[in-house]
Amino acid sequence: TDAGIEVVTGVEEAACRALNAGFVWRMVHQRPLGILKYAMTLDGKIAT
């Protein structure tokens, strides 16, 4: 803007934030984003 360039911000912001959820979390909290993934049966078992 100081150089006289027109600037628009916030276009598709939610999608852009989702793209870099890990980066945003790391910057704000000084930790990586943790994702817990598991596969289970309908009755909540991950093994027999």
All heavy atoms as atom14 arrays in JSON, in Angstrom:
{
  "sequence": "TDAGIEVVTGVEEAACRALNAGFVWRMVHQRPLGILKYAMTLDGKIAT",
  "atom14_mask": [
    [1, 1, 1, 1, 1, 1, 1, 0, 0, 0, 0, 0, 0, 0],
    [1, 1, 1, 1, 1, 1, 1, 1, 0, 0, 0, 0, 0, 0],
    [1, 1, 1, 1, 1, 0, 0, 0, 0, 0, 0, 0, 0, 0],
    [1, 1, 1, 1, 0, 0, 0, 0, 0, 0, 0, 0, 0, 0],
    [1, 1, 1, 1, 1, 1, 1, 1, 0, 0, 0, 0, 0, 0],
    [1, 1, 1, 1, 1, 1, 1, 1, 1, 0, 0, 0, 0, 0],
    [1, 1, 1, 1, 1, 1, 1, 0, 0, 0, 0, 0, 0, 0],
    [1, 1, 1, 1, 1, 1, 1, 0, 0, 0, 0, 0, 0, 0],
    [1, 1, 1, 1, 1, 1, 1, 0, 0, 0, 0, 0, 0, 0],
    [1, 1, 1, 1, 0, 0, 0, 0, 0, 0, 0, 0, 0, 0],
    [1, 1, 1, 1, 1, 1, 1, 0, 0, 0, 0, 0, 0, 0],
    [1, 1, 1, 1, 1, 1, 1, 1, 1, 0, 0, 0, 0, 0],
    [1, 1, 1, 1, 1, 1, 1, 1, 1, 0, 0, 0, 0, 0],
    [1, 1, 1, 1, 1, 0, 0, 0, 0, 0, 0, 0, 0, 0],
    [1, 1, 1, 1, 1, 0, 0, 0, 0, 0, 0, 0, 0, 0],
    [1, 1, 1, 1, 1, 1, 0, 0, 0, 0, 0, 0, 0, 0],
    [1, 1, 1, 1, 1, 1, 1, 1, 1, 1, 1, 0, 0, 0],
    [1, 1, 1, 1, 1, 0, 0, 0, 0, 0, 0, 0, 0, 0],
    [1, 1, 1, 1, 1, 1, 1, 1, 0, 0, 0, 0, 0, 0],
    [1, 1, 1, 1, 1, 1, 1, 1, 0, 0, 0, 0, 0, 0],
    [1, 1, 1, 1, 1, 0, 0, 0, 0, 0, 0, 0, 0, 0],
    [1, 1, 1, 1, 0, 0, 0, 0, 0, 0, 0, 0, 0, 0],
    [1, 1, 1, 1, 1, 1, 1, 1, 1, 1, 1, 0, 0, 0],
    [1, 1, 1, 1, 1, 1, 1, 0, 0, 0, 0, 0, 0, 0],
    [1, 1, 1, 1, 1, 1, 1, 1, 1, 1, 1, 1, 1, 1],
    [1, 1, 1, 1, 1, 1, 1, 1, 1, 1, 1, 0, 0, 0],
    [1, 1, 1, 1, 1, 1, 1, 1, 0, 0, 0, 0, 0, 0],
    [1, 1, 1, 1, 1, 1, 1, 0, 0, 0, 0, 0, 0, 0],
    [1, 1, 1, 1, 1, 1, 1, 1, 1, 1, 0, 0, 0, 0],
    [1, 1, 1, 1, 1, 1, 1, 1, 1, 0, 0, 0, 0, 0],
    [1, 1, 1, 1, 1, 1, 1, 1, 1, 1, 1, 0, 0, 0],
    [1, 1, 1, 1, 1, 1, 1, 0, 0, 0, 0, 0, 0, 0],
    [1, 1, 1, 1, 1, 1, 1, 1, 0, 0, 0, 0, 0, 0],
    [1, 1, 1, 1, 0, 0, 0, 0, 0, 0, 0, 0, 0, 0],
    [1, 1, 1, 1, 1, 1, 1, 1, 0, 0, 0, 0, 0, 0],
    [1, 1, 1, 1, 1, 1, 1, 1, 0, 0, 0, 0, 0, 0],
    [1, 1, 1, 1, 1, 1, 1, 1, 1, 0, 0, 0, 0, 0],
    [1, 1, 1, 1, 1, 1, 1, 1, 1, 1, 1, 1, 0, 0],
    [1, 1, 1, 1, 1, 0, 0, 0, 0, 0, 0, 0, 0, 0],
    [1, 1, 1, 1, 1, 1, 1, 1, 0, 0, 0, 0, 0, 0],
    [1, 1, 1, 1, 1, 1, 1, 0, 0, 0, 0, 0, 0, 0],
    [1, 1, 1, 1, 1, 1, 1, 1, 0, 0, 0, 0, 0, 0],
    [1, 1, 1, 1, 1, 1, 1, 1, 0, 0, 0, 0, 0, 0],
    [1, 1, 1, 1, 0, 0, 0, 0, 0, 0, 0, 0, 0, 0],
    [1, 1, 1, 1, 1, 1, 1, 1, 1, 0, 0, 0, 0, 0],
    [1, 1, 1, 1, 1, 1, 1, 1, 0, 0, 0, 0, 0, 0],
    [1, 1, 1, 1, 1, 0, 0, 0, 0, 0, 0, 0, 0, 0],
    [1, 1, 1, 1, 1, 1, 1, 0, 0, 0, 0, 0, 0, 0]
  ],
  "atom14_positions": [
    [[0.84, -1.21, 0.0], [0.0, 0.0, 0.0], [0.87, 1.26, 0.0], [0.52, 2.26, -0.64], [-0.95, 0.01, 1.2], [-0.21, -0.2, 2.42], [-1.99, -1.09, 1.09], [0.0, 0.0, 0.0], [0.0, 0.0, 0.0], [0.0, 0.0, 0.0], [0.0, 0.0, 0.0], [0.0, 0.0, 0.0], [0.0, 0.0, 0.0], [0.0, 0.0, 0.0]],
    [[2.01, 1.21, 0.69], [2.93, 2.36, 0.7], [3.46, 2.65, -0.7], [3.85, 3.77, -1.01], [4.1, 2.11, 1.65], [3.7, 2.22, 3.12], [2.56, 2.64, 3.38], [4.52, 1.87, 4.0], [0.0, 0.0, 0.0], [0.0, 0.0, 0.0], [0.0, 0.0, 0.0], [0.0, 0.0, 0.0], [0.0, 0.0, 0.0], [0.0, 0.0, 0.0]],
    [[3.51, 1.58, -1.53], [4.0, 1.74, -2.91], [2.87, 2.13, -3.87], [3.08, 2.23, -5.09], [4.65, 0.45, -3.38], [0.0, 0.0, 0.0], [0.0, 0.0, 0.0], [0.0, 0.0, 0.0], [0.0, 0.0, 0.0], [0.0, 0.0, 0.0], [0.0, 0.0, 0.0], [0.0, 0.0, 0.0], [0.0, 0.0, 0.0], [0.0, 0.0, 0.0]],
    [[1.66, 2.35, -3.31], [0.55, 2.78, -4.14], [-0.22, 1.65, -4.79], [-1.04, 1.88, -5.69], [0.0, 0.0, 0.0], [0.0, 0.0, 0.0], [0.0, 0.0, 0.0], [0.0, 0.0, 0.0], [0.0, 0.0, 0.0], [0.0, 0.0, 0.0], [0.0, 0.0, 0.0], [0.0, 0.0, 0.0], [0.0, 0.0, 0.0], [0.0, 0.0, 0.0]],
    [[0.03, 0.42, -4.35], [-0.67, -0.74, -4.91], [-2.0, -0.95, -4.18], [-2.04, -0.9, -2.95], [0.2, -2.01, -4.79], [1.48, -1.86, -5.63], [-0.56, -3.25, -5.21], [2.48, -2.98, -5.44], [0.0, 0.0, 0.0], [0.0, 0.0, 0.0], [0.0, 0.0, 0.0], [0.0, 0.0, 0.0], [0.0, 0.0, 0.0], [0.0, 0.0, 0.0]],
    [[-3.06, -1.16, -4.94], [-4.36, -1.45, -4.34], [-4.33, -2.86, -3.75], [-3.88, -3.79, -4.4], [-5.47, -1.36, -5.4], [-6.86, -1.62, -4.86], [-7.93, -1.7, -5.95], [-7.62, -1.4, -7.12], [-9.07, -2.1, -5.61], [0.0, 0.0, 0.0], [0.0, 0.0, 0.0], [0.0, 0.0, 0.0], [0.0, 0.0, 0.0], [0.0, 0.0, 0.0]],
    [[-4.81, -3.0, -2.51], [-4.76, -4.3, -1.82], [-6.16, -4.68, -1.35], [-6.86, -3.88, -0.72], [-3.8, -4.27, -0.61], [-3.87, -5.58, 0.17], [-2.37, -4.02, -1.07], [0.0, 0.0, 0.0], [0.0, 0.0, 0.0], [0.0, 0.0, 0.0], [0.0, 0.0, 0.0], [0.0, 0.0, 0.0], [0.0, 0.0, 0.0], [0.0, 0.0, 0.0]],
    [[-6.57, -5.9, -1.67], [-7.84, -6.46, -1.17], [-7.48, -7.71, -0.38], [-6.73, -8.57, -0.85], [-8.79, -6.82, -2.33], [-10.06, -7.49, -1.8], [-9.13, -5.59, -3.15], [0.0, 0.0, 0.0], [0.0, 0.0, 0.0], [0.0, 0.0, 0.0], [0.0, 0.0, 0.0], [0.0, 0.0, 0.0], [0.0, 0.0, 0.0], [0.0, 0.0, 0.0]],
    [[-8.01, -7.86, 0.84], [-7.71, -9.03, 1.67], [-8.99, -9.76, 2.04], [-10.08, -9.19, 2.01], [-6.98, -8.64, 2.97], [-7.83, -7.76, 3.74], [-5.66, -7.94, 2.68], [0.0, 0.0, 0.0], [0.0, 0.0, 0.0], [0.0, 0.0, 0.0], [0.0, 0.0, 0.0], [0.0, 0.0, 0.0], [0.0, 0.0, 0.0], [0.0, 0.0, 0.0]],
    [[-8.86, -11.05, 2.36], [-9.98, -11.82, 2.87], [-10.79, -12.53, 1.81], [-11.89, -13.03, 2.1], [0.0, 0.0, 0.0], [0.0, 0.0, 0.0], [0.0, 0.0, 0.0], [0.0, 0.0, 0.0], [0.0, 0.0, 0.0], [0.0, 0.0, 0.0], [0.0, 0.0, 0.0], [0.0, 0.0, 0.0], [0.0, 0.0, 0.0], [0.0, 0.0, 0.0]],
    [[-10.29, -12.62, 0.58], [-11.0, -13.35, -0.47], [-10.8, -14.86, -0.24], [-9.67, -15.33, -0.16], [-10.51, -12.94, -1.87], [-11.14, -13.83, -2.94], [-10.83, -11.48, -2.13], [0.0, 0.0, 0.0], [0.0, 0.0, 0.0], [0.0, 0.0, 0.0], [0.0, 0.0, 0.0], [0.0, 0.0, 0.0], [0.0, 0.0, 0.0], [0.0, 0.0, 0.0]],
    [[-11.89, -15.61, -0.08], [-11.85, -17.04, 0.23], [-10.99, -17.31, 1.47], [-10.24, -18.3, 1.53], [-11.31, -17.84, -0.98], [-12.18, -17.78, -2.21], [-13.51, -18.53, -2.04], [-14.48, -17.92, -1.54], [-13.57, -19.71, -2.39], [0.0, 0.0, 0.0], [0.0, 0.0, 0.0], [0.0, 0.0, 0.0], [0.0, 0.0, 0.0], [0.0, 0.0, 0.0]],
    [[-11.12, -16.45, 2.46], [-10.25, -16.53, 3.64], [-10.4, -17.86, 4.39], [-9.4, -18.46, 4.8], [-10.53, -15.38, 4.61], [-9.62, -15.4, 5.82], [-9.75, -14.18, 6.71], [-10.59, -13.31, 6.41], [-9.02, -14.11, 7.71], [0.0, 0.0, 0.0], [0.0, 0.0, 0.0], [0.0, 0.0, 0.0], [0.0, 0.0, 0.0], [0.0, 0.0, 0.0]],
    [[-11.64, -18.33, 4.55], [-11.84, -19.59, 5.28], [-11.12, -20.74, 4.59], [-10.48, -21.57, 5.25], [-13.34, -19.89, 5.4], [0.0, 0.0, 0.0], [0.0, 0.0, 0.0], [0.0, 0.0, 0.0], [0.0, 0.0, 0.0], [0.0, 0.0, 0.0], [0.0, 0.0, 0.0], [0.0, 0.0, 0.0], [0.0, 0.0, 0.0], [0.0, 0.0, 0.0]],
    [[-11.2, -20.79, 3.27], [-10.52, -21.86, 2.51], [-9.01, -21.72, 2.61], [-8.29, -22.73, 2.7], [-10.97, -21.82, 1.06], [0.0, 0.0, 0.0], [0.0, 0.0, 0.0], [0.0, 0.0, 0.0], [0.0, 0.0, 0.0], [0.0, 0.0, 0.0], [0.0, 0.0, 0.0], [0.0, 0.0, 0.0], [0.0, 0.0, 0.0], [0.0, 0.0, 0.0]],
    [[-8.52, -20.49, 2.6], [-7.07, -20.26, 2.71], [-6.56, -20.64, 4.1], [-5.46, -21.18, 4.23], [-6.74, -18.8, 2.4], [-6.95, -18.38, 0.64], [0.0, 0.0, 0.0], [0.0, 0.0, 0.0], [0.0, 0.0, 0.0], [0.0, 0.0, 0.0], [0.0, 0.0, 0.0], [0.0, 0.0, 0.0], [0.0, 0.0, 0.0], [0.0, 0.0, 0.0]],
    [[-7.36, -20.36, 5.12], [-6.97, -20.74, 6.48], [-6.98, -22.26, 6.65], [-6.11, -22.83, 7.29], [-7.88, -20.08, 7.51], [-7.73, -18.56, 7.6], [-8.54, -17.97, 8.74], [-7.93, -18.27, 10.03], [-6.96, -17.55, 10.58], [-6.45, -16.49, 9.96], [-6.49, -17.87, 11.76], [0.0, 0.0, 0.0], [0.0, 0.0, 0.0], [0.0, 0.0, 0.0]],
    [[-8.0, -22.9, 6.05], [-8.07, -24.36, 6.13], [-6.88, -25.0, 5.42], [-6.35, -26.02, 5.87], [-9.38, -24.85, 5.5], [0.0, 0.0, 0.0], [0.0, 0.0, 0.0], [0.0, 0.0, 0.0], [0.0, 0.0, 0.0], [0.0, 0.0, 0.0], [0.0, 0.0, 0.0], [0.0, 0.0, 0.0], [0.0, 0.0, 0.0], [0.0, 0.0, 0.0]],
    [[-6.46, -24.41, 4.31], [-5.3, -24.91, 3.56], [-4.07, -24.98, 4.45], [-3.3, -25.94, 4.38], [-5.03, -23.98, 2.37], [-3.75, -24.22, 1.58], [-3.85, -25.49, 0.75], [-3.45, -23.02, 0.68], [0.0, 0.0, 0.0], [0.0, 0.0, 0.0], [0.0, 0.0, 0.0], [0.0, 0.0, 0.0], [0.0, 0.0, 0.0], [0.0, 0.0, 0.0]],
    [[-3.9, -23.98, 5.29], [-2.7, -23.89, 6.13], [-3.01, -23.95, 7.62], [-2.38, -23.26, 8.42], [-1.93, -22.6, 5.8], [-1.09, -22.74, 4.55], [-0.27, -23.65, 4.46], [-1.29, -21.85, 3.6], [0.0, 0.0, 0.0], [0.0, 0.0, 0.0], [0.0, 0.0, 0.0], [0.0, 0.0, 0.0], [0.0, 0.0, 0.0], [0.0, 0.0, 0.0]],
    [[-3.95, -24.83, 7.98], [-4.33, -24.96, 9.39], [-3.13, -25.3, 10.27], [-2.98, -24.78, 11.38], [-5.42, -26.02, 9.55], [0.0, 0.0, 0.0], [0.0, 0.0, 0.0], [0.0, 0.0, 0.0], [0.0, 0.0, 0.0], [0.0, 0.0, 0.0], [0.0, 0.0, 0.0], [0.0, 0.0, 0.0], [0.0, 0.0, 0.0], [0.0, 0.0, 0.0]],
    [[-2.26, -26.18, 9.77], [-1.07, -26.56, 10.54], [-0.11, -25.41, 10.73], [0.43, -25.2, 11.82], [0.0, 0.0, 0.0], [0.0, 0.0, 0.0], [0.0, 0.0, 0.0], [0.0, 0.0, 0.0], [0.0, 0.0, 0.0], [0.0, 0.0, 0.0], [0.0, 0.0, 0.0], [0.0, 0.0, 0.0], [0.0, 0.0, 0.0], [0.0, 0.0, 0.0]],
    [[0.1, -24.61, 9.69], [0.99, -23.46, 9.77], [0.44, -22.41, 10.74], [1.17, -21.86, 11.56], [1.18, -22.85, 8.38], [2.0, -21.59, 8.36], [3.37, -21.63, 8.53], [1.39, -20.36, 8.15], [4.13, -20.47, 8.52], [2.14, -19.18, 8.13], [3.51, -19.24, 8.31], [0.0, 0.0, 0.0], [0.0, 0.0, 0.0], [0.0, 0.0, 0.0]],
    [[-0.87, -22.15, 10.63], [-1.49, -21.15, 11.51], [-1.37, -21.6, 12.97], [-0.98, -20.81, 13.85], [-2.97, -20.94, 11.13], [-3.68, -20.05, 12.16], [-3.08, -20.33, 9.73], [0.0, 0.0, 0.0], [0.0, 0.0, 0.0], [0.0, 0.0, 0.0], [0.0, 0.0, 0.0], [0.0, 0.0, 0.0], [0.0, 0.0, 0.0], [0.0, 0.0, 0.0]],
    [[-1.69, -22.88, 13.24], [-1.61, -23.39, 14.61], [-0.18, -23.29, 15.14], [0.06, -22.89, 16.28], [-2.11, -24.83, 14.68], [-2.17, -25.35, 16.08], [-1.21, -26.06, 16.75], [-3.25, -25.17, 17.03], [-1.61, -26.35, 18.02], [-2.85, -25.81, 18.23], [-4.49, -24.53, 16.96], [-3.67, -25.82, 19.36], [-5.3, -24.55, 18.09], [-4.88, -25.2, 19.26]],
    [[0.79, -23.65, 14.33], [2.2, -23.6, 14.72], [2.62, -22.17, 15.08], [3.32, -21.95, 16.06], [3.06, -24.14, 13.58], [4.56, -24.08, 13.84], [5.37, -24.51, 12.62], [6.76, -24.14, 12.79], [7.67, -24.9, 13.4], [7.32, -26.08, 13.89], [8.92, -24.49, 13.54], [0.0, 0.0, 0.0], [0.0, 0.0, 0.0], [0.0, 0.0, 0.0]],
    [[2.18, -21.21, 14.27], [2.55, -19.82, 14.51], [1.92, -19.27, 15.79], [2.55, -18.54, 16.54], [2.14, -18.95, 13.31], [3.08, -19.03, 12.15], [4.7, -18.37, 12.6], [5.72, -19.1, 11.33], [0.0, 0.0, 0.0], [0.0, 0.0, 0.0], [0.0, 0.0, 0.0], [0.0, 0.0, 0.0], [0.0, 0.0, 0.0], [0.0, 0.0, 0.0]],
    [[0.67, -19.63, 16.02], [-0.06, -19.08, 17.18], [0.33, -19.78, 18.48], [0.45, -19.16, 19.53], [-1.58, -19.17, 16.94], [-2.36, -18.75, 18.18], [-1.98, -18.31, 15.74], [0.0, 0.0, 0.0], [0.0, 0.0, 0.0], [0.0, 0.0, 0.0], [0.0, 0.0, 0.0], [0.0, 0.0, 0.0], [0.0, 0.0, 0.0], [0.0, 0.0, 0.0]],
    [[0.56, -21.11, 18.43], [0.73, -21.91, 19.64], [2.14, -22.49, 19.83], [2.4, -23.16, 20.83], [-0.29, -23.05, 19.67], [-1.71, -22.58, 19.69], [-2.36, -22.19, 20.84], [-2.61, -22.42, 18.68], [-3.59, -21.81, 20.54], [-3.76, -21.96, 19.24], [0.0, 0.0, 0.0], [0.0, 0.0, 0.0], [0.0, 0.0, 0.0], [0.0, 0.0, 0.0]],
    [[3.02, -22.27, 18.87], [4.38, -22.84, 18.92], [4.36, -24.35, 19.11], [5.17, -24.92, 19.85], [5.22, -22.16, 20.02], [5.68, -20.76, 19.68], [4.55, -19.75, 19.8], [3.92, -19.65, 20.86], [4.26, -19.05, 18.74], [0.0, 0.0, 0.0], [0.0, 0.0, 0.0], [0.0, 0.0, 0.0], [0.0, 0.0, 0.0], [0.0, 0.0, 0.0]],
    [[3.44, -25.0, 18.42], [3.33, -26.45, 18.39], [2.77, -26.85, 17.04], [2.01, -26.09, 16.43], [2.38, -26.98, 19.48], [2.92, -26.96, 20.9], [4.04, -27.98, 21.12], [4.49, -27.97, 22.49], [5.34, -27.1, 23.02], [5.81, -26.13, 22.26], [5.71, -27.18, 24.27], [0.0, 0.0, 0.0], [0.0, 0.0, 0.0], [0.0, 0.0, 0.0]],
    [[3.06, -28.05, 16.56], [2.39, -28.52, 15.35], [0.91, -28.8, 15.64], [0.52, -28.98, 16.79], [3.12, -29.83, 15.0], [4.35, -29.86, 15.86], [4.03, -29.05, 17.07], [0.0, 0.0, 0.0], [0.0, 0.0, 0.0], [0.0, 0.0, 0.0], [0.0, 0.0, 0.0], [0.0, 0.0, 0.0], [0.0, 0.0, 0.0], [0.0, 0.0, 0.0]],
    [[0.11, -28.85, 14.59], [-1.29, -29.24, 14.72], [-1.35, -30.76, 14.86], [-0.77, -31.49, 14.06], [-2.07, -28.8, 13.48], [-3.56, -29.09, 13.49], [-4.29, -28.08, 14.37], [-4.13, -29.06, 12.07], [0.0, 0.0, 0.0], [0.0, 0.0, 0.0], [0.0, 0.0, 0.0], [0.0, 0.0, 0.0], [0.0, 0.0, 0.0], [0.0, 0.0, 0.0]],
    [[-2.05, -31.25, 15.88], [-2.16, -32.68, 16.12], [-3.49, -33.22, 15.61], [-4.55, -32.68, 15.91], [0.0, 0.0, 0.0], [0.0, 0.0, 0.0], [0.0, 0.0, 0.0], [0.0, 0.0, 0.0], [0.0, 0.0, 0.0], [0.0, 0.0, 0.0], [0.0, 0.0, 0.0], [0.0, 0.0, 0.0], [0.0, 0.0, 0.0], [0.0, 0.0, 0.0]],
    [[-3.42, -34.29, 14.81], [-4.62, -34.94, 14.26], [-4.64, -36.39, 14.74], [-3.69, -37.13, 14.5], [-4.63, -34.92, 12.72], [-4.53, -33.48, 12.19], [-5.87, -35.61, 12.17], [-4.27, -33.4, 10.69], [0.0, 0.0, 0.0], [0.0, 0.0, 0.0], [0.0, 0.0, 0.0], [0.0, 0.0, 0.0], [0.0, 0.0, 0.0], [0.0, 0.0, 0.0]],
    [[-5.7, -36.77, 15.44], [-5.87, -38.16, 15.86], [-6.71, -38.88, 14.82], [-7.85, -38.5, 14.55], [-6.55, -38.24, 17.23], [-6.9, -39.66, 17.72], [-5.64, -40.5, 17.91], [-7.72, -39.6, 19.01], [0.0, 0.0, 0.0], [0.0, 0.0, 0.0], [0.0, 0.0, 0.0], [0.0, 0.0, 0.0], [0.0, 0.0, 0.0], [0.0, 0.0, 0.0]],
    [[-6.14, -39.91, 14.22], [-6.83, -40.7, 13.2], [-6.97, -42.13, 13.7], [-6.01, -42.72, 14.21], [-6.07, -40.65, 11.88], [-6.52, -41.66, 10.83], [-5.64, -42.9, 10.85], [-6.35, -44.09, 10.27], [-5.6, -45.36, 10.43], [0.0, 0.0, 0.0], [0.0, 0.0, 0.0], [0.0, 0.0, 0.0], [0.0, 0.0, 0.0], [0.0, 0.0, 0.0]],
    [[-8.16, -42.69, 13.56], [-8.32, -44.11, 13.86], [-9.43, -44.69, 13.01], [-10.29, -43.97, 12.49], [-8.61, -44.35, 15.35], [-9.76, -43.58, 15.93], [-11.07, -44.03, 15.81], [-9.55, -42.39, 16.65], [-12.13, -43.33, 16.37], [-10.6, -41.69, 17.21], [-11.89, -42.16, 17.07], [-12.94, -41.46, 17.61], [0.0, 0.0, 0.0], [0.0, 0.0, 0.0]],
    [[-9.4, -46.02, 12.84], [-10.46, -46.75, 12.17], [-11.13, -47.64, 13.21], [-10.45, -48.29, 14.01], [-9.89, -47.61, 11.04], [0.0, 0.0, 0.0], [0.0, 0.0, 0.0], [0.0, 0.0, 0.0], [0.0, 0.0, 0.0], [0.0, 0.0, 0.0], [0.0, 0.0, 0.0], [0.0, 0.0, 0.0], [0.0, 0.0, 0.0], [0.0, 0.0, 0.0]],
    [[-12.45, -47.64, 13.23], [-13.16, -48.46, 14.21], [-14.41, -49.06, 13.61], [-14.94, -48.6, 12.59], [-13.51, -47.63, 15.45], [-14.59, -46.61, 15.26], [-15.0, -45.77, 16.81], [-16.46, -44.84, 16.32], [0.0, 0.0, 0.0], [0.0, 0.0, 0.0], [0.0, 0.0, 0.0], [0.0, 0.0, 0.0], [0.0, 0.0, 0.0], [0.0, 0.0, 0.0]],
    [[-14.91, -50.11, 14.28], [-16.18, -50.72, 13.91], [-17.31, -49.85, 14.42], [-17.1, -48.92, 15.21], [-16.29, -52.12, 14.5], [-16.17, -52.02, 15.93], [-15.21, -53.04, 13.96], [0.0, 0.0, 0.0], [0.0, 0.0, 0.0], [0.0, 0.0, 0.0], [0.0, 0.0, 0.0], [0.0, 0.0, 0.0], [0.0, 0.0, 0.0], [0.0, 0.0, 0.0]],
    [[-18.52, -50.17, 13.99], [-19.69, -49.4, 14.41], [-19.88, -49.45, 15.93], [-20.42, -48.52, 16.53], [-20.94, -49.92, 13.7], [-22.18, -49.06, 13.76], [-21.93, -47.68, 13.19], [-23.33, -49.74, 13.02], [0.0, 0.0, 0.0], [0.0, 0.0, 0.0], [0.0, 0.0, 0.0], [0.0, 0.0, 0.0], [0.0, 0.0, 0.0], [0.0, 0.0, 0.0]],
    [[-19.43, -50.54, 16.56], [-19.54, -50.63, 18.02], [-18.28, -50.16, 18.73], [-18.04, -50.5, 19.9], [-19.94, -52.05, 18.46], [-18.99, -53.12, 17.94], [-18.29, -52.86, 16.94], [-18.95, -54.22, 18.53], [0.0, 0.0, 0.0], [0.0, 0.0, 0.0], [0.0, 0.0, 0.0], [0.0, 0.0, 0.0], [0.0, 0.0, 0.0], [0.0, 0.0, 0.0]],
    [[-17.47, -49.36, 18.05], [-16.38, -48.65, 18.71], [-15.15, -49.47, 19.03], [-14.44, -49.14, 19.98], [0.0, 0.0, 0.0], [0.0, 0.0, 0.0], [0.0, 0.0, 0.0], [0.0, 0.0, 0.0], [0.0, 0.0, 0.0], [0.0, 0.0, 0.0], [0.0, 0.0, 0.0], [0.0, 0.0, 0.0], [0.0, 0.0, 0.0], [0.0, 0.0, 0.0]],
    [[-14.84, -50.49, 18.23], [-13.65, -51.31, 18.48], [-12.6, -51.04, 17.4], [-12.93, -50.91, 16.22], [-14.0, -52.8, 18.48], [-15.19, -53.18, 19.35], [-14.96, -52.88, 20.82], [-16.13, -53.38, 21.66], [-15.98, -53.03, 23.09], [0.0, 0.0, 0.0], [0.0, 0.0, 0.0], [0.0, 0.0, 0.0], [0.0, 0.0, 0.0], [0.0, 0.0, 0.0]],
    [[-11.33, -50.99, 17.82], [-10.24, -50.81, 16.86], [-9.51, -52.12, 16.59], [-8.59, -52.18, 15.78], [-9.24, -49.72, 17.32], [-8.58, -50.1, 18.65], [-9.91, -48.37, 17.42], [-7.43, -49.18, 19.06], [0.0, 0.0, 0.0], [0.0, 0.0, 0.0], [0.0, 0.0, 0.0], [0.0, 0.0, 0.0], [0.0, 0.0, 0.0], [0.0, 0.0, 0.0]],
    [[-9.93, -53.18, 17.27], [-9.38, -54.53, 17.06], [-10.3, -55.52, 17.76], [-11.18, -55.13, 18.55], [-7.96, -54.63, 17.62], [0.0, 0.0, 0.0], [0.0, 0.0, 0.0], [0.0, 0.0, 0.0], [0.0, 0.0, 0.0], [0.0, 0.0, 0.0], [0.0, 0.0, 0.0], [0.0, 0.0, 0.0], [0.0, 0.0, 0.0], [0.0, 0.0, 0.0]],
    [[-10.08, -56.79, 17.5], [-10.84, -57.83, 18.19], [-10.23, -58.07, 19.58], [-9.21, -57.47, 19.94], [-10.78, -59.15, 17.39], [-9.43, -59.64, 17.43], [-11.21, -58.95, 15.96], [0.0, 0.0, 0.0], [0.0, 0.0, 0.0], [0.0, 0.0, 0.0], [0.0, 0.0, 0.0], [0.0, 0.0, 0.0], [0.0, 0.0, 0.0], [0.0, 0.0, 0.0]]
  ]
}
